[in-house]
Amino acid sequence: MVDITHKDHTLRTAVAQAIVEVSSQDTITAVEEDRVPKGNVFAMSKAAGLLGVKKTPDLLPDCHPLPIEYTDVQYEIDGLQIKILITVKTIYKTGVEVEAMHGASVVALNMYDMLKPLDKGVEIKNIKLLKKTGGKSDYTAKL
């Protein structure tokens, strides 16, 4: 683990995305109308993502345990794609970009698990960091 004892506490923010692509408009309609047999896809996937963010240092050995001050999960449907956007904030010595990407990944995996009985063509795509602020370097992805 990297030594961060010399670093200052600052506001650190990260926004990450994952995309879940389905193969049928019927799948999107089932999600929107809350007709997926395993339950409400958005609510259950949000809960899974919150756990994913919090459990990141338990699964990735070089990630520091840190206080998560805020996590938000948003969804955007565009055709056959569900874009997952996760924002994570902390006031700490190290950033939260891995936590945000891990949370987005867990949301996408939960969606995949819930939708696979309805749609054998579900795919997870484009897990990436969109933006991070705080610390010594900021980052914004080229869109």
Protein backbone atom coordinates (compact mmCIF):
# COMPACT_ATOMS: atom_id res chain seq x y z
CA MET A 1 0.00 0.00 0.00
CA VAL A 2 1.29 3.47 -0.88
CA ASP A 3 2.28 5.69 2.05
CA ILE A 4 -0.24 8.55 2.28
CA THR A 5 0.61 9.74 5.80
CA HIS A 6 2.15 12.96 4.46
CA LYS A 7 -0.91 13.94 2.40
CA ASP A 8 -3.53 16.51 3.42
CA HIS A 9 -7.23 15.87 3.79
CA THR A 10 -9.04 17.48 0.85
CA LEU A 11 -12.39 17.04 -0.85
CA ARG A 12 -12.00 14.23 -3.37
CA THR A 13 -14.70 13.50 -5.95
CA ALA A 14 -14.92 10.90 -8.71
CA VAL A 15 -17.54 10.13 -11.34
CA ALA A 16 -17.49 6.77 -13.12
CA GLN A 17 -19.72 5.04 -15.61
CA ALA A 18 -20.63 1.60 -16.83
CA ILE A 19 -23.03 0.75 -19.61
CA VAL A 20 -25.39 -2.21 -19.67
CA GLU A 21 -26.60 -3.00 -23.17
CA VAL A 22 -29.56 -5.29 -23.74
CA SER A 23 -30.66 -6.95 -26.98
CA SER A 24 -34.37 -6.11 -26.92
CA GLN A 25 -36.64 -3.16 -26.31
CA ASP A 26 -38.84 -5.60 -24.36
CA THR A 27 -36.06 -5.80 -21.73
CA ILE A 28 -35.90 -2.02 -21.41
CA THR A 29 -39.69 -1.87 -21.12
CA ALA A 30 -39.67 -4.54 -18.38
CA VAL A 31 -37.08 -2.51 -16.44
CA GLU A 32 -38.99 0.77 -16.87
CA GLU A 33 -42.31 -0.83 -15.89
CA ASP A 34 -40.80 -2.73 -12.93
CA ARG A 35 -41.77 -6.12 -14.39
CA VAL A 36 -38.45 -7.94 -13.95
CA PRO A 37 -39.10 -11.17 -11.99
CA LYS A 38 -36.10 -10.67 -9.67
CA GLY A 39 -37.35 -7.25 -8.52
CA ASN A 40 -36.83 -3.55 -9.16
CA VAL A 41 -33.65 -3.39 -11.22
CA PHE A 42 -32.81 0.23 -10.43
CA ALA A 43 -33.36 0.02 -6.66
CA MET A 44 -31.61 -3.31 -6.18
CA SER A 45 -28.69 -2.32 -8.39
CA LYS A 46 -28.27 0.97 -6.51
CA ALA A 47 -28.09 -0.94 -3.22
CA ALA A 48 -25.50 -3.31 -4.73
CA GLY A 49 -23.48 -0.33 -5.97
CA LEU A 50 -23.47 1.33 -2.56
CA LEU A 51 -22.12 -1.89 -1.06
CA GLY A 52 -19.57 -2.15 -3.86
CA VAL A 53 -18.24 1.34 -3.13
CA LYS A 54 -17.98 0.64 0.60
CA LYS A 55 -16.35 -2.79 0.13
CA THR A 56 -13.69 -1.70 -2.37
CA PRO A 57 -10.76 -1.90 0.10
CA ASP A 58 -11.93 -5.36 1.20
CA LEU A 59 -11.48 -6.68 -2.35
CA LEU A 60 -8.62 -4.64 -3.81
CA PRO A 61 -5.51 -5.02 -1.65
CA ASP A 62 -3.85 -1.67 -2.46
CA CYS A 63 -6.96 0.45 -1.84
CA HIS A 64 -6.94 2.33 1.44
CA PRO A 65 -9.98 2.10 3.68
CA LEU A 66 -11.46 5.58 3.67
CA PRO A 67 -14.58 7.37 4.82
CA ILE A 68 -17.14 7.56 2.05
CA GLU A 69 -18.98 10.83 2.61
CA TYR A 70 -21.39 10.60 -0.35
CA THR A 71 -22.40 8.19 -3.10
CA ASP A 72 -24.97 8.81 -5.82
CA VAL A 73 -26.19 6.38 -8.47
CA GLN A 74 -27.98 7.68 -11.55
CA TYR A 75 -29.31 5.91 -14.63
CA GLU A 76 -29.89 7.12 -18.19
CA ILE A 77 -31.68 4.97 -20.76
CA ASP A 78 -30.68 5.56 -24.37
CA GLY A 79 -32.16 3.06 -26.80
CA LEU A 80 -30.97 -0.38 -25.69
CA GLN A 81 -28.35 0.99 -23.31
CA ILE A 82 -28.60 1.80 -19.62
CA LYS A 83 -25.84 4.19 -18.63
CA ILE A 84 -24.86 3.97 -14.98
CA LEU A 85 -23.26 7.07 -13.43
CA ILE A 86 -21.75 6.88 -9.96
CA THR A 87 -20.46 9.86 -8.01
CA VAL A 88 -18.39 9.29 -4.87
CA LYS A 89 -17.05 11.94 -2.48
CA THR A 90 -14.81 11.92 0.54
CA ILE A 91 -12.69 14.32 2.55
CA TYR A 92 -9.52 12.33 2.92
CA LYS A 93 -5.89 11.90 1.87
CA THR A 94 -6.50 9.80 -1.24
CA GLY A 95 -8.96 9.76 -4.13
CA VAL A 96 -12.11 7.73 -4.70
CA GLU A 97 -11.84 6.92 -8.42
CA VAL A 98 -11.36 3.18 -7.86
CA GLU A 99 -14.33 3.16 -5.48
CA ALA A 100 -16.47 4.89 -8.11
CA MET A 101 -15.42 2.48 -10.88
CA HIS A 102 -15.92 -0.50 -8.57
CA GLY A 103 -19.39 0.74 -7.66
CA ALA A 104 -20.30 1.20 -11.33
CA SER A 105 -19.04 -2.31 -12.06
CA VAL A 106 -21.09 -3.84 -9.25
CA VAL A 107 -24.23 -1.99 -10.39
CA ALA A 108 -23.69 -3.34 -13.91
CA LEU A 109 -23.10 -6.89 -12.66
CA ASN A 110 -26.23 -6.76 -10.54
CA MET A 111 -28.24 -5.57 -13.55
CA TYR A 112 -26.76 -8.37 -15.63
CA ASP A 113 -27.75 -10.92 -12.99
CA MET A 114 -31.30 -9.58 -12.75
CA LEU A 115 -31.81 -9.34 -16.52
CA LYS A 116 -30.20 -12.58 -17.72
CA PRO A 117 -33.41 -14.63 -17.31
CA LEU A 118 -35.16 -12.20 -19.69
CA ASP A 119 -32.39 -11.43 -22.15
CA LYS A 120 -29.48 -13.69 -23.09
CA GLY A 121 -27.81 -10.84 -24.96
CA VAL A 122 -27.03 -8.54 -22.01
CA GLU A 123 -23.53 -7.02 -22.15
CA ILE A 124 -21.52 -4.80 -19.83
CA LYS A 125 -19.49 -2.10 -21.59
CA ASN A 126 -17.35 0.96 -21.02
CA ILE A 127 -16.50 0.91 -17.34
CA LYS A 128 -14.41 4.03 -16.97
CA LEU A 129 -13.56 7.08 -14.94
CA LEU A 130 -15.25 10.20 -16.29
CA LYS A 131 -13.96 12.79 -13.84
CA LYS A 132 -12.00 13.23 -10.64
CA THR A 133 -11.20 16.29 -8.58
CA GLY A 134 -9.19 16.97 -5.47
CA GLY A 135 -5.68 16.07 -4.51
CA LYS A 136 -2.74 17.09 -6.67
CA SER A 137 -4.27 16.26 -10.06
CA ASP A 138 -7.74 16.63 -11.55
CA TYR A 139 -8.97 14.57 -14.49
CA THR A 140 -11.80 14.84 -16.99
CA ALA A 141 -12.27 12.19 -19.68
CA LYS A 142 -12.44 13.32 -23.29
CA LEU A 143 -16.00 12.56 -24.33
